[in-house]
PDB file of N, CA and C in Angstrom:
ATOM      1  N   MET A   1       2.254  70.348 116.044  1.00  0.00           N
ATOM      2  CA  MET A   1       3.100  71.498 115.777  1.00  0.00           C
ATOM      3  C   MET A   1       2.399  72.458 114.808  1.00  0.00           C
ATOM      4  N   ALA A   2       1.773  71.948 113.789  1.00  0.00           N
ATOM      5  CA  ALA A   2       1.109  72.806 112.809  1.00  0.00           C
ATOM      6  C   ALA A   2      -0.061  73.559 113.425  1.00  0.00           C
ATOM      7  N   ALA A   3      -0.752  72.939 114.367  1.00  0.00           N
ATOM      8  CA  ALA A   3      -1.923  73.570 114.969  1.00  0.00           C
ATOM      9  C   ALA A   3      -1.559  74.843 115.721  1.00  0.00           C
ATOM     10  N   GLY A   4      -0.334  74.970 116.174  1.00  0.00           N
ATOM     11  CA  GLY A   4       0.088  76.150 116.910  1.00  0.00           C
ATOM     12  C   GLY A   4       0.495  77.313 116.030  1.00  0.00           C
ATOM     13  N   ASN A   5       0.486  77.138 114.730  1.00  0.00           N
ATOM     14  CA  ASN A   5       0.896  78.188 113.795  1.00  0.00           C
ATOM     15  C   ASN A   5      -0.306  78.975 113.282  1.00  0.00           C
ATOM     16  N   ASP A   6      -0.035  80.194 112.868  1.00  0.00           N
ATOM     17  CA  ASP A   6      -1.050  81.041 112.274  1.00  0.00           C
ATOM     18  C   ASP A   6      -1.550  80.402 110.978  1.00  0.00           C
ATOM     19  N   GLN A   7      -2.854  80.360 110.788  1.00  0.00           N
ATOM     20  CA  GLN A   7      -3.432  79.722 109.601  1.00  0.00           C
ATOM     21  C   GLN A   7      -2.942  80.358 108.305  1.00  0.00           C
ATOM     22  N   ARG A   8      -2.775  81.671 108.304  1.00  0.00           N
ATOM     23  CA  ARG A   8      -2.305  82.349 107.086  1.00  0.00           C
ATOM     24  C   ARG A   8      -0.898  81.882 106.719  1.00  0.00           C
ATOM     25  N   GLY A   9      -0.065  81.669 107.718  1.00  0.00           N
ATOM     26  CA  GLY A   9       1.282  81.178 107.456  1.00  0.00           C
ATOM     27  C   GLY A   9       1.277  79.771 106.891  1.00  0.00           C
ATOM     28  N   LEU A  10       0.419  78.926 107.457  1.00  0.00           N
ATOM     29  CA  LEU A  10       0.315  77.555 106.945  1.00  0.00           C
ATOM     30  C   LEU A  10      -0.201  77.539 105.512  1.00  0.00           C
ATOM     31  N   ILE A  11      -1.210  78.350 105.249  1.00  0.00           N
ATOM     32  CA  ILE A  11      -1.756  78.413 103.887  1.00  0.00           C
ATOM     33  C   ILE A  11      -0.687  78.903 102.923  1.00  0.00           C
ATOM     34  N   GLY A  12       0.043  79.939 103.316  1.00  0.00           N
ATOM     35  CA  GLY A  12       1.111  80.458 102.462  1.00  0.00           C
ATOM     36  C   GLY A  12       2.183  79.425 102.188  1.00  0.00           C
ATOM     37  N   ALA A  13       2.567  78.673 103.219  1.00  0.00           N
ATOM     38  CA  ALA A  13       3.590  77.637 103.043  1.00  0.00           C
ATOM     39  C   ALA A  13       3.100  76.544 102.104  1.00  0.00           C
ATOM     40  N   LEU A  14       1.853  76.128 102.263  1.00  0.00           N
ATOM     41  CA  LEU A  14       1.303  75.086 101.390  1.00  0.00           C
ATOM     42  C   LEU A  14       1.186  75.559  99.946  1.00  0.00           C
ATOM     43  N   LEU A  15       0.767  76.804  99.763  1.00  0.00           N
ATOM     44  CA  LEU A  15       0.682  77.343  98.401  1.00  0.00           C
ATOM     45  C   LEU A  15       2.070  77.428  97.760  1.00  0.00           C
ATOM     46  N   ALA A  16       3.059  77.835  98.538  1.00  0.00           N
ATOM     47  CA  ALA A  16       4.423  77.920  98.012  1.00  0.00           C
ATOM     48  C   ALA A  16       4.943  76.539  97.621  1.00  0.00           C
ATOM     49  N   MET A  17       4.663  75.531  98.438  1.00  0.00           N
ATOM     50  CA  MET A  17       5.108  74.174  98.090  1.00  0.00           C
ATOM     51  C   MET A  17       4.411  73.671  96.837  1.00  0.00           C
ATOM     52  N   ALA A  18       3.130  73.982  96.687  1.00  0.00           N
ATOM     53  CA  ALA A  18       2.382  73.531  95.519  1.00  0.00           C
ATOM     54  C   ALA A  18       2.883  74.194  94.239  1.00  0.00           C
ATOM     55  N   ALA A  19       3.397  75.415  94.344  1.00  0.00           N
ATOM     56  CA  ALA A  19       3.824  76.169  93.159  1.00  0.00           C
ATOM     57  C   ALA A  19       5.314  76.057  92.866  1.00  0.00           C
ATOM     58  N   ARG A  20       6.039  75.325  93.704  1.00  0.00           N
ATOM     59  CA  ARG A  20       7.490  75.279  93.516  1.00  0.00           C
ATOM     60  C   ARG A  20       7.862  74.567  92.213  1.00  0.00           C
ATOM     61  N   THR A  21       9.012  74.937  91.692  1.00  0.00           N
ATOM     62  CA  THR A  21       9.517  74.377  90.453  1.00  0.00           C
ATOM     63  C   THR A  21      10.113  72.997  90.707  1.00  0.00           C
ATOM     64  N   ASP A  22       9.856  72.066  89.824  1.00  0.00           N
ATOM     65  CA  ASP A  22      10.441  70.727  89.912  1.00  0.00           C
ATOM     66  C   ASP A  22      11.877  70.800  89.403  1.00  0.00           C
ATOM     67  N   THR A  23      12.825  70.613  90.279  1.00  0.00           N
ATOM     68  CA  THR A  23      14.242  70.679  89.897  1.00  0.00           C
ATOM     69  C   THR A  23      14.911  69.303  89.914  1.00  0.00           C
ATOM     70  N   THR A  24      14.120  68.241  89.952  1.00  0.00           N
ATOM     71  CA  THR A  24      14.723  66.907  90.013  1.00  0.00           C
ATOM     72  C   THR A  24      15.554  66.588  88.773  1.00  0.00           C
ATOM     73  N   GLY A  25      15.287  67.254  87.668  1.00  0.00           N
ATOM     74  CA  GLY A  25      16.034  66.990  86.439  1.00  0.00           C
ATOM     75  C   GLY A  25      17.470  67.507  86.462  1.00  0.00           C
ATOM     76  N   ILE A  26      17.793  68.355  87.419  1.00  0.00           N
ATOM     77  CA  ILE A  26      19.151  68.912  87.465  1.00  0.00           C
ATOM     78  C   ILE A  26      19.920  68.498  88.727  1.00  0.00           C
ATOM     79  N   ILE A  27      19.407  67.513  89.431  1.00  0.00           N
ATOM     80  CA  ILE A  27      20.061  67.068  90.665  1.00  0.00           C
ATOM     81  C   ILE A  27      21.515  66.671  90.412  1.00  0.00           C
ATOM     82  N   GLU A  28      21.772  66.029  89.287  1.00  0.00           N
ATOM     83  CA  GLU A  28      23.128  65.579  88.988  1.00  0.00           C
ATOM     84  C   GLU A  28      24.122  66.736  88.853  1.00  0.00           C
ATOM     85  N   GLN A  29      23.639  67.948  88.689  1.00  0.00           N
ATOM     86  CA  GLN A  29      24.510  69.114  88.546  1.00  0.00           C
ATOM     87  C   GLN A  29      25.011  69.652  89.890  1.00  0.00           C
ATOM     88  N   ILE A  30      24.489  69.144  90.980  1.00  0.00           N
ATOM     89  CA  ILE A  30      24.936  69.611  92.295  1.00  0.00           C
ATOM     90  C   ILE A  30      26.407  69.269  92.458  1.00  0.00           C
ATOM     91  N   ASP A  31      27.204  70.280  92.734  1.00  0.00           N
ATOM     92  CA  ASP A  31      28.651  70.102  92.869  1.00  0.00           C
ATOM     93  C   ASP A  31      29.123  70.734  94.178  1.00  0.00           C
ATOM     94  N   LEU A  32      28.420  70.417  95.235  1.00  0.00           N
ATOM     95  CA  LEU A  32      28.740  70.930  96.564  1.00  0.00           C
ATOM     96  C   LEU A  32      28.626  69.792  97.561  1.00  0.00           C
ATOM     97  N   PRO A  33      29.298  69.909  98.694  1.00  0.00           N
ATOM     98  CA  PRO A  33      29.109  68.886  99.721  1.00  0.00           C
ATOM     99  C   PRO A  33      27.624  68.797 100.073  1.00  0.00           C
ATOM    100  N   THR A  34      27.101  67.591 100.022  1.00  0.00           N
ATOM    101  CA  THR A  34      25.662  67.403 100.194  1.00  0.00           C
ATOM    102  C   THR A  34      25.383  66.304 101.195  1.00  0.00           C
ATOM    103  N   LEU A  35      24.503  66.610 102.123  1.00  0.00           N
ATOM    104  CA  LEU A  35      24.060  65.644 103.121  1.00  0.00           C
ATOM    105  C   LEU A  35      22.597  65.334 102.846  1.00  0.00           C
ATOM    106  N   VAL A  36      22.296  64.072 102.634  1.00  0.00           N
ATOM    107  CA  VAL A  36      20.920  63.618 102.448  1.00  0.00           C
ATOM    108  C   VAL A  36      20.519  62.931 103.748  1.00  0.00           C
ATOM    109  N   VAL A  37      19.562  63.516 104.454  1.00  0.00           N
ATOM    110  CA  VAL A  37      19.123  62.977 105.740  1.00  0.00           C
ATOM    111  C   VAL A  37      17.701  62.467 105.592  1.00  0.00           C
ATOM    112  N   VAL A  38      17.454  61.266 106.088  1.00  0.00           N
ATOM    113  CA  VAL A  38      16.116  60.675 106.029  1.00  0.00           C
ATOM    114  C   VAL A  38      15.819  60.003 107.361  1.00  0.00           C
ATOM    115  N   GLY A  39      14.579  60.157 107.789  1.00  0.00           N
ATOM    116  CA  GLY A  39      14.127  59.433 108.974  1.00  0.00           C
ATOM    117  C   GLY A  39      13.677  58.042 108.591  1.00  0.00           C
ATOM    118  N   ALA A  40      14.021  57.069 109.395  1.00  0.00           N
ATOM    119  CA  ALA A  40      13.647  55.680 109.105  1.00  0.00           C
ATOM    120  C   ALA A  40      12.132  55.496 109.041  1.00  0.00           C
ATOM    121  N   GLU A  41      11.387  56.350 109.733  1.00  0.00           N
ATOM    122  CA  GLU A  41       9.933  56.243 109.768  1.00  0.00           C
ATOM    123  C   GLU A  41       9.241  57.240 108.835  1.00  0.00           C
ATOM    124  N   ASP A  42      10.004  57.856 107.935  1.00  0.00           N
ATOM    125  CA  ASP A  42       9.446  58.864 107.023  1.00  0.00           C
ATOM    126  C   ASP A  42       8.598  58.178 105.960  1.00  0.00           C
ATOM    127  N   THR A  43       7.311  58.514 105.914  1.00  0.00           N
ATOM    128  CA  THR A  43       6.426  57.928 104.912  1.00  0.00           C
ATOM    129  C   THR A  43       6.218  58.863 103.721  1.00  0.00           C
ATOM    130  N   LEU A  44       6.556  60.151 103.869  1.00  0.00           N
ATOM    131  CA  LEU A  44       6.409  61.093 102.756  1.00  0.00           C
ATOM    132  C   LEU A  44       7.573  60.988 101.775  1.00  0.00           C
ATOM    133  N   THR A  45       8.784  60.904 102.290  1.00  0.00           N
ATOM    134  CA  THR A  45       9.969  60.712 101.449  1.00  0.00           C
ATOM    135  C   THR A  45      10.771  59.567 102.076  1.00  0.00           C
ATOM    136  N   PRO A  46      10.370  58.342 101.802  1.00  0.00           N
ATOM    137  CA  PRO A  46      10.969  57.184 102.451  1.00  0.00           C
ATOM    138  C   PRO A  46      12.418  56.920 102.021  1.00  0.00           C
ATOM    139  N   LEU A  47      13.024  55.991 102.714  1.00  0.00           N
ATOM    140  CA  LEU A  47      14.434  55.662 102.523  1.00  0.00           C
ATOM    141  C   LEU A  47      14.780  55.395 101.065  1.00  0.00           C
ATOM    142  N   ASN A  48      13.943  54.680 100.330  1.00  0.00           N
ATOM    143  CA  ASN A  48      14.290  54.372  98.936  1.00  0.00           C
ATOM    144  C   ASN A  48      14.423  55.644  98.097  1.00  0.00           C
ATOM    145  N   LEU A  49      13.610  56.667  98.365  1.00  0.00           N
ATOM    146  CA  LEU A  49      13.736  57.926  97.630  1.00  0.00           C
ATOM    147  C   LEU A  49      14.990  58.685  98.047  1.00  0.00           C
ATOM    148  N   ALA A  50      15.326  58.623  99.334  1.00  0.00           N
ATOM    149  CA  ALA A  50      16.552  59.258  99.808  1.00  0.00           C
ATOM    150  C   ALA A  50      17.770  58.571  99.190  1.00  0.00           C
ATOM    151  N   CYS A  51      17.725  57.266  99.064  1.00  0.00           N
ATOM    152  CA  CYS A  51      18.823  56.524  98.441  1.00  0.00           C
ATOM    153  C   CYS A  51      18.970  56.915  96.970  1.00  0.00           C
ATOM    154  N   GLU A  52      17.854  57.088  96.292  1.00  0.00           N
ATOM    155  CA  GLU A  52      17.894  57.512  94.892  1.00  0.00           C
ATOM    156  C   GLU A  52      18.509  58.907  94.771  1.00  0.00           C
ATOM    157  N   LEU A  53      18.113  59.807  95.638  1.00  0.00           N
ATOM    158  CA  LEU A  53      18.674  61.157  95.648  1.00  0.00           C
ATOM    159  C   LEU A  53      20.172  61.113  95.910  1.00  0.00           C
ATOM    160  N   ASP A  54      20.563  60.350  96.898  1.00  0.00           N
ATOM    161  CA  ASP A  54      21.980  60.202  97.242  1.00  0.00           C
ATOM    162  C   ASP A  54      22.782  59.660  96.062  1.00  0.00           C
ATOM    163  N   ALA A  55      22.232  58.697  95.359  1.00  0.00           N
ATOM    164  CA  ALA A  55      22.923  58.091  94.212  1.00  0.00           C
ATOM    165  C   ALA A  55      23.097  59.078  93.062  1.00  0.00           C
ATOM    166  N   ARG A  56      22.204  60.049  92.974  1.00  0.00           N
ATOM    167  CA  ARG A  56      22.255  61.005  91.860  1.00  0.00           C
ATOM    168  C   ARG A  56      23.165  62.201  92.125  1.00  0.00           C
ATOM    169  N   ILE A  57      23.579  62.389  93.372  1.00  0.00           N
ATOM    170  CA  ILE A  57      24.446  63.518  93.715  1.00  0.00           C
ATOM    171  C   ILE A  57      25.844  62.976  93.984  1.00  0.00           C
ATOM    172  N   ASP A  58      26.768  63.302  93.107  1.00  0.00           N
ATOM    173  CA  ASP A  58      28.135  62.801  93.222  1.00  0.00           C
ATOM    174  C   ASP A  58      28.759  63.227  94.543  1.00  0.00           C
ATOM    175  N   GLY A  59      29.233  62.266  95.307  1.00  0.00           N
ATOM    176  CA  GLY A  59      29.933  62.550  96.549  1.00  0.00           C
ATOM    177  C   GLY A  59      29.048  62.891  97.724  1.00  0.00           C
ATOM    178  N   SER A  60      27.744  62.732  97.592  1.00  0.00           N
ATOM    179  CA  SER A  60      26.865  63.047  98.713  1.00  0.00           C
ATOM    180  C   SER A  60      27.000  61.995  99.806  1.00  0.00           C
ATOM    181  N   ARG A  61      26.480  62.339 100.965  1.00  0.00           N
ATOM    182  CA  ARG A  61      26.512  61.420 102.100  1.00  0.00           C
ATOM    183  C   ARG A  61      25.086  61.218 102.580  1.00  0.00           C
ATOM    184  N   LEU A  62      24.671  59.966 102.709  1.00  0.00           N
ATOM    185  CA  LEU A  62      23.330  59.619 103.167  1.00  0.00           C
ATOM    186  C   LEU A  62      23.385  59.228 104.636  1.00  0.00           C
ATOM    187  N   VAL A  63      22.499  59.834 105.433  1.00  0.00           N
ATOM    188  CA  VAL A  63      22.370  59.481 106.842  1.00  0.00           C
ATOM    189  C   VAL A  63      20.912  59.140 107.096  1.00  0.00           C
ATOM    190  N   MET A  64      20.676  57.936 107.608  1.00  0.00           N
ATOM    191  CA  MET A  64      19.341  57.503 107.985  1.00  0.00           C
ATOM    192  C   MET A  64      19.269  57.558 109.508  1.00  0.00           C
ATOM    193  N   ILE A  65      18.285  58.281 110.017  1.00  0.00           N
ATOM    194  CA  ILE A  65      18.144  58.435 111.461  1.00  0.00           C
ATOM    195  C   ILE A  65      17.029  57.507 111.940  1.00  0.00           C
ATOM    196  N   PRO A  66      17.387  56.523 112.763  1.00  0.00           N
ATOM    197  CA  PRO A  66      16.384  55.584 113.279  1.00  0.00           C
ATOM    198  C   PRO A  66      15.330  56.318 114.112  1.00  0.00           C
ATOM    199  N   ALA A  67      14.132  55.811 114.082  1.00  0.00           N
ATOM    200  CA  ALA A  67      13.015  56.334 114.887  1.00  0.00           C
ATOM    201  C   ALA A  67      12.676  57.788 114.578  1.00  0.00           C
ATOM    202  N   ALA A  68      13.081  58.287 113.424  1.00  0.00           N
ATOM    203  CA  ALA A  68      12.743  59.654 113.025  1.00  0.00           C
ATOM    204  C   ALA A  68      11.731  59.598 111.901  1.00  0.00           C
ATOM    205  N   GLY A  69      10.893  60.620 111.830  1.00  0.00           N
ATOM    206  CA  GLY A  69       9.900  60.707 110.775  1.00  0.00           C
ATOM    207  C   GLY A  69      10.338  61.661 109.683  1.00  0.00           C
ATOM    208  N   HIS A  70       9.385  62.409 109.132  1.00  0.00           N
ATOM    209  CA  HIS A  70       9.636  63.269 107.975  1.00  0.00           C
ATOM    210  C   HIS A  70      10.509  64.474 108.292  1.00  0.00           C
ATOM    211  N   LEU A  71      10.514  64.946 109.494  1.00  0.00           N
ATOM    212  CA  LEU A  71      11.313  66.123 109.854  1.00  0.00           C
ATOM    213  C   LEU A  71      12.308  65.777 110.963  1.00  0.00           C
ATOM    214  N   PRO A  72      13.362  65.037 110.629  1.00  0.00           N
ATOM    215  CA  PRO A  72      14.295  64.630 111.678  1.00  0.00           C
ATOM    216  C   PRO A  72      14.990  65.809 112.364  1.00  0.00           C
ATOM    217  N   SER A  73      15.076  66.946 111.686  1.00  0.00           N
ATOM    218  CA  SER A  73      15.687  68.115 112.322  1.00  0.00           C
ATOM    219  C   SER A  73      14.841  68.605 113.494  1.00  0.00           C
ATOM    220  N   LEU A  74      13.547  68.357 113.449  1.00  0.00           N
ATOM    221  CA  LEU A  74      12.660  68.748 114.545  1.00  0.00           C
ATOM    222  C   LEU A  74      12.400  67.597 115.513  1.00  0.00           C
ATOM    223  N   GLY A  75      12.210  66.409 114.979  1.00  0.00           N
ATOM    224  CA  GLY A  75      11.872  65.262 115.812  1.00  0.00           C
ATOM    225  C   GLY A  75      13.046  64.654 116.547  1.00  0.00           C
ATOM    226  N   THR A  76      14.205  64.691 115.941  1.00  0.00           N
ATOM    227  CA  THR A  76      15.417  64.121 116.547  1.00  0.00           C
ATOM    228  C   THR A  76      16.573  65.110 116.343  1.00  0.00           C
ATOM    229  N   PRO A  77      16.484  66.280 116.972  1.00  0.00           N
ATOM    230  CA  PRO A  77      17.466  67.335 116.693  1.00  0.00           C
ATOM    231  C   PRO A  77      18.906  66.966 117.049  1.00  0.00           C
ATOM    232  N   GLU A  78      19.110  66.178 118.080  1.00  0.00           N
ATOM    233  CA  GLU A  78      20.483  65.812 118.439  1.00  0.00           C
ATOM    234  C   GLU A  78      21.114  64.936 117.363  1.00  0.00           C
ATOM    235  N   GLU A  79      20.378  63.930 116.903  1.00  0.00           N
ATOM    236  CA  GLU A  79      20.904  63.048 115.871  1.00  0.00           C
ATOM    237  C   GLU A  79      21.114  63.807 114.560  1.00  0.00           C
ATOM    238  N   PHE A  80      20.176  64.680 114.238  1.00  0.00           N
ATOM    239  CA  PHE A  80      20.307  65.494 113.028  1.00  0.00           C
ATOM    240  C   PHE A  80      21.527  66.404 113.141  1.00  0.00           C
ATOM    241  N   GLY A  81      21.677  67.039 114.285  1.00  0.00           N
ATOM    242  CA  GLY A  81      22.824  67.919 114.505  1.00  0.00           C
ATOM    243  C   GLY A  81      24.147  67.178 114.385  1.00  0.00           C
ATOM    244  N   THR A  82      24.185  65.960 114.891  1.00  0.00           N
ATOM    245  CA  THR A  82      25.402  65.156 114.786  1.00  0.00           C
ATOM    246  C   THR A  82      25.730  64.868 113.325  1.00  0.00           C
ATOM    247  N   ALA A  83      24.720  64.569 112.524  1.00  0.00           N
ATOM    248  CA  ALA A  83      24.944  64.312 111.097  1.00  0.00           C
ATOM    249  C   ALA A  83      25.498  65.548 110.406  1.00  0.00           C
ATOM    250  N   VAL A  84      24.947  66.716 110.722  1.00  0.00           N
ATOM    251  CA  VAL A  84      25.426  67.958 110.125  1.00  0.00           C
ATOM    252  C   VAL A  84      26.837  68.270 110.599  1.00  0.00           C
ATOM    253  N   GLU A  85      27.096  68.117 111.890  1.00  0.00           N
ATOM    254  CA  GLU A  85      28.436  68.369 112.426  1.00  0.00           C
ATOM    255  C   GLU A  85      29.476  67.477 111.766  1.00  0.00           C
ATOM    256  N   THR A  86      29.128  66.209 111.569  1.00  0.00           N
ATOM    257  CA  THR A  86      30.055  65.271 110.926  1.00  0.00           C
ATOM    258  C   THR A  86      30.384  65.729 109.510  1.00  0.00           C
ATOM    259  N   LEU A  87      29.371  66.168 108.773  1.00  0.00           N
ATOM    260  CA  LEU A  87      29.612  66.678 107.426  1.00  0.00           C
ATOM    261  C   LEU A  87      30.528  67.902 107.485  1.00  0.00           C
ATOM    262  N   LEU A  88      30.229  68.822 108.372  1.00  0.00           N
ATOM    263  CA  LEU A  88      31.017  70.058 108.455  1.00  0.00           C
ATOM    264  C   LEU A  88      32.452  69.793 108.908  1.00  0.00           C
ATOM    265  N   GLU A  89      32.627  68.862 109.822  1.00  0.00           N
ATOM    266  CA  GLU A  89      33.984  68.521 110.261  1.00  0.00           C
ATOM    267  C   GLU A  89      34.807  67.970 109.106  1.00  0.00           C
ATOM    268  N   GLY A  90      34.155  67.231 108.226  1.00  0.00           N
ATOM    269  CA  GLY A  90      34.841  66.698 107.050  1.00  0.00           C
ATOM    270  C   GLY A  90      35.238  67.766 106.057  1.00  0.00           C
ATOM    271  N   LEU A  91      34.613  68.928 106.158  1.00  0.00           N
ATOM    272  CA  LEU A  91      34.930  70.041 105.260  1.00  0.00           C
ATOM    273  C   LEU A  91      35.996  70.944 105.822  1.00  0.00           C
ATOM    274  N   ALA A  92      36.269  70.832 107.108  1.00  0.00           N
ATOM    275  CA  ALA A  92      37.232  71.716 107.741  1.00  0.00           C
ATOM    276  C   ALA A  92      38.600  71.565 107.106  1.00  0.00           C
ATOM    277  N   ALA A  93      39.256  72.696 106.910  1.00  0.00           N
ATOM    278  CA  ALA A  93      40.595  72.684 106.302  1.00  0.00           C
ATOM    279  C   ALA A  93      41.563  71.975 107.251  1.00  0.00           C
ATOM    280  N   PRO A  94      42.461  71.161 106.711  1.00  0.00           N
ATOM    281  CA  PRO A  94      43.437  70.483 107.568  1.00  0.00           C
ATOM    282  C   PRO A  94      44.345  71.496 108.253  1.00  0.00           C
ATOM    283  N   SER A  95      44.691  71.220 109.496  1.00  0.00           N
ATOM    284  CA  SER A  95      45.541  72.183 110.231  1.00  0.00           C
ATOM    285  C   SER A  95      47.010  71.897 110.063  1.00  0.00           C
TER     286      SER A  95
END
């Protein structure tokens, strides 16, 4: 997937990621419905890190997608979409 992108765009994205601010110290301040999604085969941010993130965000929901890697929204879009839909349905106002 990366090979099909413009090199300047990839370089820009990598530079932006390298320069981003570390906000892990304020994770506990998140006060919004939060979905933590992790692929079971993710080696960059594995399940144990997703579990730690989930534990630090009050009321968050953790979804582990089997057979998915680091980008489950791209690799397993149906399963990812179902996780998002489930979260959103839970937010819908009662009729």
